[in-house]
Amino acid sequence: MDETSLLKQLARSLMTGQPIAAADPLRPCWHLAPPVGLLNDPNGFIQHQGRYHLFYQWNPFACAHGAKFWGHWSSTDLLHWRHEPVALVPSEPYESHGCYSGSAVMQDNRIVLIYTGNVKYPDGSRTANQCLAIANERDEFDKLGPVLPLPAGYSGHVRDPKVWQHDGRWYMVLGAQDLQQQGKVILLVSDDLQQWHSRGDIAGSQLNGLGDFGYMWECPDLFELEGQDILICCPQGLPAEAERYLNTHQAGYFVGQLDYVQAHFPHGEFHELDLGFEFYAPQTTQAEDGRRLLFGWMGIPDQDELLQPTVAQGWIHTMTCPRELSYHDGQLYQRPARELQQLRGERRYWQGRADDAPLYTADSAELWLQCDGPFRLQLAQALSLEWNGTRLTLSRPHVRTAELEHRYWRGNLTELQILSDHSSVEIFINGGAAVMSARYFPQHKLSFDFTGDAQLNLQHWPLAMPVIE
């Protein structure tokens, strides 16, 4: 279908579906969600002349994974977002089955998008083209077409380019699967964004001391933070363990040092970025003030996602809140972006026994707590968080079976910061040393309901709804 036809179909989908989606009581107050249809990976996250741009994988026609478009929001403050013209439409033969994920850079004071053009064939095989598009004066993007075909030695699963500049040259990491069905990250280099040269695999299964470690690595992101190089990636195919790797696919990071000359990346062990039920495909950018910021997709591919109740209202999935990253004491920390504090209403403070805690509203709120012992926190019979003194357990009914499912964190709990928003929760543990994110779908009025004998110190803020233009 040509671009004009696709845009006409998109307009019809928006006009008929948006009023229904907007009226859904499960729709977030301040998290970013699609107007209609399915949202997944954040793409092209960048700041230019004081304005943030966040692109996203989007199927505007259905709550299903299909031929993806790139939607586009922008903001000056990470709070108030406006819809920009749709950035990419899968209308060309080299992207016939979707404009898949990618990133954005600045060149000659214009935003350049680097993305994967996905092509599937009738026999079930596929290929991938890495493509460019450049911003024009109308805030639209003109496609320049493929600049990198499928590299030799890999299956058709090569995608998600993340590009940055180092010492005057452009570098790219690509998620890939080799012909032995081992997940890899490829490093490439270019002088002009047009001609790319592979430097080989720098991470993946059977590399850097890893054994088998997944059949495909998606959404790589490599950046420097506090003198360390951090590689974020999403290995698919890690076997579940008792208390980790419990989602269908994982998102995590390695810490190491990239040797740009030798194209070598020795690194340490893999750490999950988020220990909750929904977190995948994160992407970072360096803000103009020097902060490293991250958005993630609050979803997991192939994990009963299409059974979520918002599908009946014509939309599915949200982004996480924007997060600030820091690295110290040998660990990556994630905290809610400081701008979110501007959403806070009147602060309420309470101290006492958990059983006596007041019922604070949780539909759109921030809660900060300290405790001296075990307690349990319930949210509208749809989600619970329990601390037993050594282990934090997040639980909810499975969307398909209704049986309780669990996610875990172990350590010495000193504080929790909880952000809730109608049908999602993000729990920041010990100042962001760990995070647990989840969607949940309450059928009752949302409140924080505590039980237990522990002494609690609580601070609570209702969070206001920012304007999305």
Protein backbone atom coordinates (compact mmCIF):
# COMPACT_ATOMS: atom_id res chain seq x y z
CA MET A 1 0.00 0.00 0.00
CA ASP A 2 1.40 3.45 -0.89
CA GLU A 3 2.01 6.17 1.69
CA THR A 4 -1.09 8.19 0.79
CA SER A 5 -3.36 5.19 1.27
CA LEU A 6 -1.70 4.26 4.56
CA LEU A 7 -2.13 7.81 5.89
CA LYS A 8 -5.80 7.83 4.87
CA GLN A 9 -6.33 4.57 6.73
CA LEU A 10 -4.46 6.00 9.74
CA ALA A 11 -6.71 9.08 9.77
CA ARG A 12 -9.81 6.89 9.77
CA SER A 13 -8.43 4.77 12.60
CA LEU A 14 -7.75 7.87 14.68
CA MET A 15 -11.13 9.48 14.03
CA THR A 16 -13.11 6.37 14.89
CA GLY A 17 -10.96 4.94 17.66
CA GLN A 18 -9.54 7.83 19.65
CA PRO A 19 -12.77 8.87 21.43
CA ILE A 20 -13.20 5.30 22.69
CA ALA A 21 -9.58 4.95 23.80
CA ALA A 22 -9.56 8.35 25.51
CA ALA A 23 -12.61 7.42 27.62
CA ASP A 24 -11.03 4.24 29.03
CA PRO A 25 -10.68 4.59 32.84
CA LEU A 26 -7.50 2.47 32.61
CA ARG A 27 -5.85 5.03 30.34
CA PRO A 28 -2.83 6.67 32.01
CA CYS A 29 -2.92 10.14 33.46
CA TRP A 30 0.67 11.15 32.70
CA HIS A 31 2.43 8.19 31.08
CA LEU A 32 2.67 8.27 27.28
CA ALA A 33 0.28 5.91 25.50
CA PRO A 34 -0.82 5.53 21.85
CA PRO A 35 -3.88 7.49 20.69
CA VAL A 36 -5.16 4.18 19.26
CA GLY A 37 -3.65 0.81 18.47
CA LEU A 38 -0.45 -0.73 19.75
CA LEU A 39 2.65 1.05 21.04
CA ASN A 40 5.93 -0.70 21.69
CA ASP A 41 9.63 0.32 21.53
CA PRO A 42 10.76 3.90 22.18
CA ASN A 43 12.82 5.07 19.20
CA GLY A 44 14.94 8.06 18.22
CA PHE A 45 15.03 9.60 21.70
CA ILE A 46 17.00 12.86 21.36
CA GLN A 47 17.07 16.46 22.55
CA HIS A 48 17.62 19.28 20.04
CA GLN A 49 17.60 23.01 20.81
CA GLY A 50 15.87 22.45 24.12
CA ARG A 51 13.14 20.18 22.79
CA TYR A 52 13.00 16.45 23.42
CA HIS A 53 11.85 14.18 20.61
CA LEU A 54 10.55 10.70 21.33
CA PHE A 55 9.54 8.45 18.47
CA TYR A 56 7.82 5.12 19.01
CA GLN A 57 6.84 1.89 17.32
CA TRP A 58 3.16 2.14 16.48
CA ASN A 59 0.52 0.03 14.79
CA PRO A 60 -2.37 2.51 14.47
CA PHE A 61 -4.71 -0.05 12.90
CA ALA A 62 -4.97 -2.74 15.57
CA CYS A 63 -3.85 -3.89 19.02
CA ALA A 64 -1.46 -6.34 17.39
CA HIS A 65 2.09 -6.44 16.11
CA GLY A 66 2.02 -5.66 12.41
CA ALA A 67 3.73 -3.32 9.95
CA LYS A 68 4.97 -0.63 12.33
CA PHE A 69 4.89 3.12 11.80
CA TRP A 70 7.00 5.62 13.75
CA GLY A 71 4.84 7.93 15.85
CA HIS A 72 6.42 11.12 17.17
CA TRP A 73 6.00 13.23 20.30
CA SER A 74 8.02 16.26 21.39
CA SER A 75 8.35 18.16 24.66
CA THR A 76 10.37 20.95 26.26
CA ASP A 77 10.13 19.54 29.78
CA LEU A 78 9.44 15.75 29.64
CA LEU A 79 5.96 16.50 31.03
CA HIS A 80 3.91 18.35 28.42
CA TRP A 81 4.06 16.51 25.11
CA ARG A 82 2.64 17.35 21.72
CA HIS A 83 1.88 15.11 18.78
CA GLU A 84 4.13 15.72 15.78
CA PRO A 85 3.51 14.51 12.23
CA VAL A 86 3.91 10.76 11.85
CA ALA A 87 7.60 10.30 11.15
CA LEU A 88 7.79 7.03 9.19
CA VAL A 89 5.18 5.08 7.25
CA PRO A 90 6.05 1.55 5.96
CA SER A 91 5.30 2.34 2.31
CA GLU A 92 8.52 1.35 0.48
CA PRO A 93 9.58 -2.14 -0.68
CA TYR A 94 12.66 -2.05 1.58
CA GLU A 95 10.40 -1.65 4.66
CA SER A 96 7.32 -3.52 3.48
CA HIS A 97 6.71 -5.26 6.81
CA GLY A 98 7.47 -2.37 9.10
CA CYS A 99 9.71 0.53 9.97
CA TYR A 100 11.35 -1.24 12.88
CA SER A 101 13.26 0.33 15.75
CA GLY A 102 16.22 2.66 15.56
CA SER A 103 17.72 5.87 16.85
CA ALA A 104 18.31 9.54 16.01
CA VAL A 105 21.39 11.76 15.68
CA MET A 106 22.05 15.37 14.75
CA GLN A 107 23.84 16.13 11.47
CA ASP A 108 24.09 19.64 9.99
CA ASN A 109 21.60 20.82 12.62
CA ARG A 110 18.93 18.42 11.42
CA ILE A 111 17.59 15.26 13.04
CA VAL A 112 18.52 12.10 11.14
CA LEU A 113 16.65 8.86 11.87
CA ILE A 114 18.39 5.50 11.49
CA TYR A 115 15.94 2.58 11.48
CA THR A 116 15.44 -0.97 10.29
CA GLY A 117 13.34 -1.64 7.22
CA ASN A 118 11.83 -5.07 7.80
CA VAL A 119 10.95 -7.33 4.85
CA LYS A 120 9.29 -10.75 5.08
CA TYR A 121 8.94 -13.20 2.19
CA PRO A 122 6.13 -15.67 1.39
CA ASP A 123 8.36 -18.66 2.21
CA GLY A 124 8.78 -17.43 5.80
CA SER A 125 12.28 -15.98 5.36
CA ARG A 126 13.10 -12.34 5.96
CA THR A 127 15.73 -9.68 5.48
CA ALA A 128 16.55 -6.32 7.05
CA ASN A 129 17.79 -2.99 5.69
CA GLN A 130 19.23 -0.23 7.85
CA CYS A 131 17.76 3.00 6.51
CA LEU A 132 18.02 6.78 6.90
CA ALA A 133 15.44 9.57 6.98
CA ILE A 134 16.20 13.26 7.50
CA ALA A 135 14.07 16.07 8.91
CA ASN A 136 12.79 18.76 6.55
CA GLU A 137 11.47 22.29 7.18
CA ARG A 138 7.91 20.97 7.75
CA ASP A 139 8.98 18.81 10.72
CA GLU A 140 8.47 15.76 8.51
CA PHE A 141 11.10 13.21 7.48
CA ASP A 142 12.32 12.52 3.98
CA LYS A 143 13.50 8.95 3.45
CA LEU A 144 16.97 8.45 2.01
CA GLY A 145 16.53 4.70 1.73
CA PRO A 146 18.78 1.81 2.80
CA VAL A 147 22.42 2.46 3.67
CA LEU A 148 23.24 -1.03 4.94
CA PRO A 149 21.83 -4.32 3.60
CA LEU A 150 21.78 -7.55 5.58
CA PRO A 151 25.39 -8.29 6.64
CA ALA A 152 26.86 -11.63 5.60
CA GLY A 153 26.90 -14.31 8.28
CA TYR A 154 23.62 -13.40 9.96
CA SER A 155 20.01 -14.50 9.68
CA GLY A 156 17.35 -12.02 8.63
CA HIS A 157 17.12 -10.96 12.28
CA VAL A 158 19.38 -7.88 12.26
CA ARG A 159 17.75 -4.72 13.57
CA ASP A 160 17.49 -1.79 16.00
CA PRO A 161 20.49 0.43 15.09
CA LYS A 162 21.74 2.76 17.83
CA VAL A 163 24.16 5.38 16.50
CA TRP A 164 26.49 7.85 18.25
CA GLN A 165 29.56 9.92 17.46
CA HIS A 166 33.03 9.36 18.93
CA ASP A 167 36.20 11.23 17.96
CA GLY A 168 34.60 12.55 14.79
CA ARG A 169 33.33 9.21 13.47
CA TRP A 170 29.90 7.59 13.59
CA TYR A 171 29.46 4.25 15.34
CA MET A 172 26.50 1.88 15.28
CA VAL A 173 25.51 -1.14 17.33
CA LEU A 174 23.01 -3.57 15.82
CA GLY A 175 21.07 -6.38 17.45
CA ALA A 176 21.53 -9.61 15.52
CA GLN A 177 21.24 -13.37 15.24
CA ASP A 178 24.05 -15.28 13.54
CA LEU A 179 23.57 -18.35 11.34
CA GLN A 180 24.02 -20.62 14.37
CA GLN A 181 21.05 -18.86 16.01
CA GLN A 182 23.20 -17.12 18.61
CA GLY A 183 22.33 -13.59 19.70
CA LYS A 184 24.99 -10.95 18.95
CA VAL A 185 25.69 -7.22 18.99
CA ILE A 186 27.53 -5.96 15.89
CA LEU A 187 29.70 -2.81 15.89
CA LEU A 188 29.95 -0.74 12.70
CA VAL A 189 31.70 2.52 11.82
CA SER A 190 31.09 5.29 9.26
CA ASP A 191 32.45 8.71 8.34
CA ASP A 192 29.22 10.02 6.82
CA LEU A 193 26.25 7.87 8.01
CA GLN A 194 26.03 6.50 4.46
CA GLN A 195 28.89 4.03 4.09
CA TRP A 196 29.17 1.58 6.98
CA HIS A 197 31.94 -0.91 7.74
CA SER A 198 31.49 -3.80 10.15
CA ARG A 199 33.99 -4.21 12.98
CA GLY A 200 32.48 -7.56 13.97
CA ASP A 201 30.64 -8.86 17.01
CA ILE A 202 31.50 -7.15 20.29
CA ALA A 203 29.05 -8.99 22.56
CA GLY A 204 26.65 -11.90 22.53
CA SER A 205 26.31 -15.60 23.12
CA GLN A 206 29.67 -17.40 23.32
CA LEU A 207 31.58 -14.11 23.61
CA ASN A 208 33.39 -12.37 26.50
CA GLY A 209 33.08 -15.38 28.78
CA LEU A 210 29.38 -15.98 28.16
CA GLY A 211 28.12 -19.39 27.19
CA ASP A 212 24.77 -19.79 25.49
CA PHE A 213 23.00 -16.54 26.21
CA GLY A 214 19.98 -16.19 23.99
CA TYR A 215 19.13 -16.74 20.34
CA MET A 216 18.62 -13.04 19.51
CA TRP A 217 19.79 -9.79 21.11
CA GLU A 218 17.51 -6.83 20.43
CA CYS A 219 17.67 -3.07 21.05
CA PRO A 220 21.36 -2.53 21.90
CA ASP A 221 22.39 0.85 23.31
CA LEU A 222 26.02 1.65 24.14
CA PHE A 223 27.03 4.79 26.04
CA GLU A 224 29.62 6.12 28.48
CA LEU A 225 28.61 6.91 32.06
CA GLU A 226 30.99 7.93 34.85
CA GLY A 227 33.99 6.54 32.97
CA GLN A 228 32.34 3.19 32.22
CA ASP A 229 30.81 1.95 28.96
CA ILE A 230 27.32 0.56 29.48
CA LEU A 231 25.80 -1.83 26.96
CA ILE A 232 22.03 -2.15 27.30
CA CYS A 233 20.46 -4.99 25.32
CA CYS A 234 17.51 -7.38 25.28
CA PRO A 235 18.57 -11.04 25.02
CA GLN A 236 15.79 -13.37 23.92
CA GLY A 237 15.86 -17.01 24.97
CA LEU A 238 17.35 -16.90 28.47
CA PRO A 239 15.97 -19.78 30.56
CA ALA A 240 14.00 -18.70 33.61
CA GLU A 241 15.58 -19.14 37.03
CA ALA A 242 13.94 -19.25 40.45
CA GLU A 243 13.87 -15.49 40.98
CA ARG A 244 15.26 -13.91 37.81
CA TYR A 245 14.76 -14.01 34.04
CA LEU A 246 11.07 -14.61 34.72
CA ASN A 247 9.68 -12.62 31.80
CA THR A 248 9.42 -14.09 28.31
CA HIS A 249 12.30 -11.85 27.19
CA GLN A 250 14.79 -9.84 29.28
CA ALA A 251 16.21 -6.32 29.26
CA GLY A 252 19.49 -5.66 31.00
CA TYR A 253 23.00 -4.27 30.85
CA PHE A 254 26.71 -5.09 30.88
CA VAL A 255 29.45 -2.80 32.20
CA GLY A 256 32.79 -2.78 30.37
CA GLN A 257 35.18 -0.69 28.31
CA LEU A 258 34.90 -0.46 24.53
CA ASP A 259 38.22 -0.52 22.70
CA TYR A 260 37.34 1.49 19.59
CA VAL A 261 40.61 0.55 17.88
CA GLN A 262 40.42 -3.21 18.40
CA ALA A 263 36.60 -3.34 18.41
CA HIS A 264 36.71 -5.30 21.65
CA PHE A 265 34.30 -4.96 24.59
CA PRO A 266 35.34 -6.97 27.66
CA HIS A 267 32.53 -6.74 30.19
CA GLY A 268 31.16 -8.05 33.45
CA GLU A 269 28.02 -10.01 34.20
CA PHE A 270 24.51 -9.33 32.93
CA HIS A 271 22.16 -7.34 35.18
CA GLU A 272 18.43 -7.03 34.65
CA LEU A 273 17.38 -3.38 34.33
CA ASP A 274 13.91 -3.89 35.76
CA LEU A 275 12.70 -6.77 37.92
CA GLY A 276 8.98 -6.24 37.35
CA PHE A 277 6.48 -7.74 34.92
CA GLU A 278 6.69 -5.24 32.05
CA PHE A 279 9.87 -3.57 30.83
CA TYR A 280 11.59 -3.96 27.46
CA ALA A 281 13.43 -2.22 24.62
CA PRO A 282 14.78 0.76 26.62
CA GLN A 283 16.57 3.58 24.83
CA THR A 284 18.69 6.38 26.26
CA THR A 285 19.87 9.80 25.21
CA GLN A 286 22.23 12.36 26.65
CA ALA A 287 20.32 15.54 27.47
CA GLU A 288 21.80 18.95 26.81
CA ASP A 289 22.41 19.36 30.55
CA GLY A 290 24.57 16.22 30.55
CA ARG A 291 22.10 13.77 32.10
CA ARG A 292 21.67 10.29 30.63
CA LEU A 293 17.89 9.76 30.29
CA LEU A 294 15.98 6.57 29.53
CA PHE A 295 12.52 5.60 28.34
CA GLY A 296 11.39 1.98 28.26
CA TRP A 297 8.39 0.16 26.86
CA MET A 298 6.11 -1.03 29.65
CA GLY A 299 5.39 -4.27 27.84
CA ILE A 300 6.99 -7.59 26.91
CA PRO A 301 6.64 -9.17 23.45
CA ASP A 302 4.97 -12.59 23.34
CA GLN A 303 3.87 -12.42 27.00
CA ASP A 304 0.06 -12.62 26.83
CA GLU A 305 0.10 -8.91 26.07
CA LEU A 306 -2.88 -9.04 23.73
CA LEU A 307 -5.11 -10.30 26.56
CA GLN A 308 -4.88 -6.98 28.38
CA PRO A 309 -8.35 -5.44 28.88
CA THR A 310 -7.49 -2.15 27.16
CA VAL A 311 -7.55 -4.04 23.85
CA ALA A 312 -11.35 -3.87 24.01
CA GLN A 313 -11.03 -0.08 24.06
CA GLY A 314 -8.74 -0.07 21.02
CA TRP A 315 -5.34 0.66 22.59
CA ILE A 316 -2.53 -1.17 24.36
CA HIS A 317 0.75 -0.42 26.18
CA THR A 318 2.48 2.65 27.60
CA MET A 319 5.96 4.02 28.03
CA THR A 320 7.67 4.04 31.41
CA CYS A 321 8.28 7.35 33.08
CA PRO A 322 11.46 9.09 31.92
CA ARG A 323 14.35 7.97 34.12
CA GLU A 324 17.73 9.48 34.99
CA LEU A 325 20.67 7.09 34.98
CA SER A 326 23.78 7.25 37.14
CA TYR A 327 26.59 4.82 37.85
CA HIS A 328 28.36 4.50 41.19
CA ASP A 329 29.46 1.82 43.64
CA GLY A 330 29.69 -0.59 40.71
CA GLN A 331 25.99 -0.33 39.94
CA LEU A 332 23.63 1.40 37.53
CA TYR A 333 20.92 3.48 39.23
CA GLN A 334 17.61 4.60 37.75
CA ARG A 335 15.53 7.39 39.26
CA PRO A 336 12.39 9.15 38.00
CA ALA A 337 13.41 12.23 36.03
CA ARG A 338 13.44 15.22 38.35
CA GLU A 339 10.95 17.05 36.12
CA LEU A 340 8.21 14.70 37.35
CA GLN A 341 8.28 16.44 40.73
CA GLN A 342 6.45 19.32 39.06
CA LEU A 343 3.35 17.10 38.88
CA ARG A 344 3.18 16.80 42.66
CA GLY A 345 0.20 18.21 44.52
CA GLU A 346 -0.03 18.74 48.28
CA ARG A 347 2.32 16.52 50.29
CA ARG A 348 0.89 14.39 53.08
CA TYR A 349 3.10 12.84 55.74
CA TRP A 350 2.27 9.99 58.10
CA GLN A 351 4.22 7.87 60.59
CA GLY A 352 2.98 4.82 62.46
CA ARG A 353 2.09 1.15 62.35
CA ALA A 354 1.34 -0.30 58.89
CA ASP A 355 -2.07 -1.62 60.01
CA ASP A 356 -3.07 1.94 60.98
CA ALA A 357 -1.90 3.69 57.81
CA PRO A 358 -4.49 5.88 56.05
CA LEU A 359 -5.84 4.91 52.64
CA TYR A 360 -4.05 7.25 50.27
CA THR A 361 -5.29 7.58 46.71
CA ALA A 362 -3.26 5.59 44.16
CA ASP A 363 -4.89 6.33 40.80
CA SER A 364 -2.23 8.94 39.97
CA ALA A 365 0.18 9.37 42.84
CA GLU A 366 3.70 9.18 44.23
CA LEU A 367 4.39 7.40 47.51
CA TRP A 368 7.70 7.38 49.39
CA LEU A 369 8.20 5.08 52.35
CA GLN A 370 10.67 3.77 54.88
CA CYS A 371 10.00 0.80 57.16
CA ASP A 372 11.56 -1.07 60.07
CA GLY A 373 10.10 -4.50 59.34
CA PRO A 374 7.78 -6.64 57.21
CA PHE A 375 4.63 -5.17 55.68
CA ARG A 376 2.23 -5.71 52.80
CA LEU A 377 0.89 -3.13 50.37
CA GLN A 378 -2.25 -3.86 48.36
CA LEU A 379 -3.52 -1.88 45.37
CA ALA A 380 -7.21 -2.43 44.68
CA GLN A 381 -7.00 -6.24 44.87
CA ALA A 382 -5.13 -6.10 41.58
CA LEU A 383 -1.50 -5.89 42.71
CA SER A 384 0.40 -6.44 45.94
CA LEU A 385 3.89 -5.73 47.23
CA GLU A 386 5.19 -7.66 50.23
CA TRP A 387 8.41 -7.17 52.20
CA ASN A 388 9.31 -10.05 54.53
CA GLY A 389 12.58 -8.64 55.81
CA THR A 390 14.83 -10.21 53.16
CA ARG A 391 12.77 -10.39 49.96
CA LEU A 392 10.44 -7.98 48.19
CA THR A 393 7.70 -9.78 46.22
CA LEU A 394 5.48 -8.11 43.62
CA SER A 395 2.36 -10.16 42.83
CA ARG A 396 -0.69 -9.93 40.59
CA PRO A 397 -3.28 -12.27 39.01
CA HIS A 398 -2.17 -13.59 35.64
CA VAL A 399 -4.20 -11.95 32.87
CA ARG A 400 -5.01 -15.34 31.32
CA THR A 401 -5.26 -17.82 34.22
CA ALA A 402 -5.99 -15.47 37.17
CA GLU A 403 -3.42 -17.42 39.19
CA LEU A 404 -0.98 -15.27 41.14
CA GLU A 405 2.36 -14.61 39.46
CA HIS A 406 5.37 -13.08 41.21
CA ARG A 407 8.55 -11.06 40.69
CA TYR A 408 11.32 -10.68 43.28
CA TRP A 409 14.11 -8.51 44.67
CA ARG A 410 16.45 -9.41 47.52
CA GLY A 411 18.58 -7.06 49.59
CA ASN A 412 18.53 -4.67 52.51
CA LEU A 413 15.49 -2.45 51.99
CA THR A 414 16.00 1.16 53.06
CA GLU A 415 13.37 3.05 51.05
CA LEU A 416 10.80 2.76 48.27
CA GLN A 417 9.55 5.37 45.82
CA ILE A 418 6.37 4.27 44.07
CA LEU A 419 4.78 5.98 41.06
CA SER A 420 1.27 4.82 40.19
CA ASP A 421 -0.88 5.84 37.23
CA HIS A 422 -4.31 4.23 36.75
CA SER A 423 -3.05 0.93 35.33
CA SER A 424 0.68 0.96 35.97
CA VAL A 425 3.15 1.10 38.82
CA GLU A 426 6.91 1.77 38.91
CA ILE A 427 8.69 0.91 42.15
CA PHE A 428 12.15 2.40 42.72
CA ILE A 429 14.09 0.53 45.41
CA ASN A 430 16.82 2.12 47.54
CA GLY A 431 17.21 5.26 45.48
CA GLY A 432 16.96 3.46 42.16
CA ALA A 433 19.40 0.61 42.80
CA ALA A 434 16.60 -1.63 41.48
CA VAL A 435 13.22 -1.06 39.83
CA MET A 436 10.05 -3.13 39.45
CA SER A 437 7.55 -1.99 36.80
CA ALA A 438 4.16 -3.50 36.07
CA ARG A 439 0.84 -2.97 34.37
CA TYR A 440 -2.25 -3.99 36.30
CA PHE A 441 -5.93 -3.49 35.69
CA PRO A 442 -7.98 -2.62 38.79
CA GLN A 443 -11.74 -2.97 38.87
CA HIS A 444 -12.08 -1.03 42.11
CA LYS A 445 -11.14 2.41 43.37
CA LEU A 446 -7.37 2.65 43.64
CA SER A 447 -5.76 3.25 47.02
CA PHE A 448 -2.59 2.25 48.87
CA ASP A 449 -3.71 -0.24 51.56
CA PHE A 450 -1.05 -1.28 54.12
CA THR A 451 -1.08 -4.17 56.57
CA GLY A 452 1.51 -5.39 59.08
CA ASP A 453 3.21 -4.47 62.35
CA ALA A 454 6.12 -2.52 60.83
CA GLN A 455 6.59 1.13 61.61
CA LEU A 456 6.28 3.18 58.42
CA ASN A 457 7.31 6.67 57.42
CA LEU A 458 5.13 7.71 54.48
CA GLN A 459 5.04 10.69 52.17
CA HIS A 460 2.29 10.93 49.57
CA TRP A 461 1.63 13.30 46.67
CA PRO A 462 -1.25 13.22 44.18
CA LEU A 463 0.13 13.69 40.66
CA ALA A 464 -1.58 16.10 38.28
CA MET A 465 -2.35 15.40 34.64
CA PRO A 466 -0.09 17.34 32.22
CA VAL A 467 -1.42 18.51 28.88
CA ILE A 468 -0.72 16.40 25.79
CA GLU A 469 -1.44 18.50 22.72
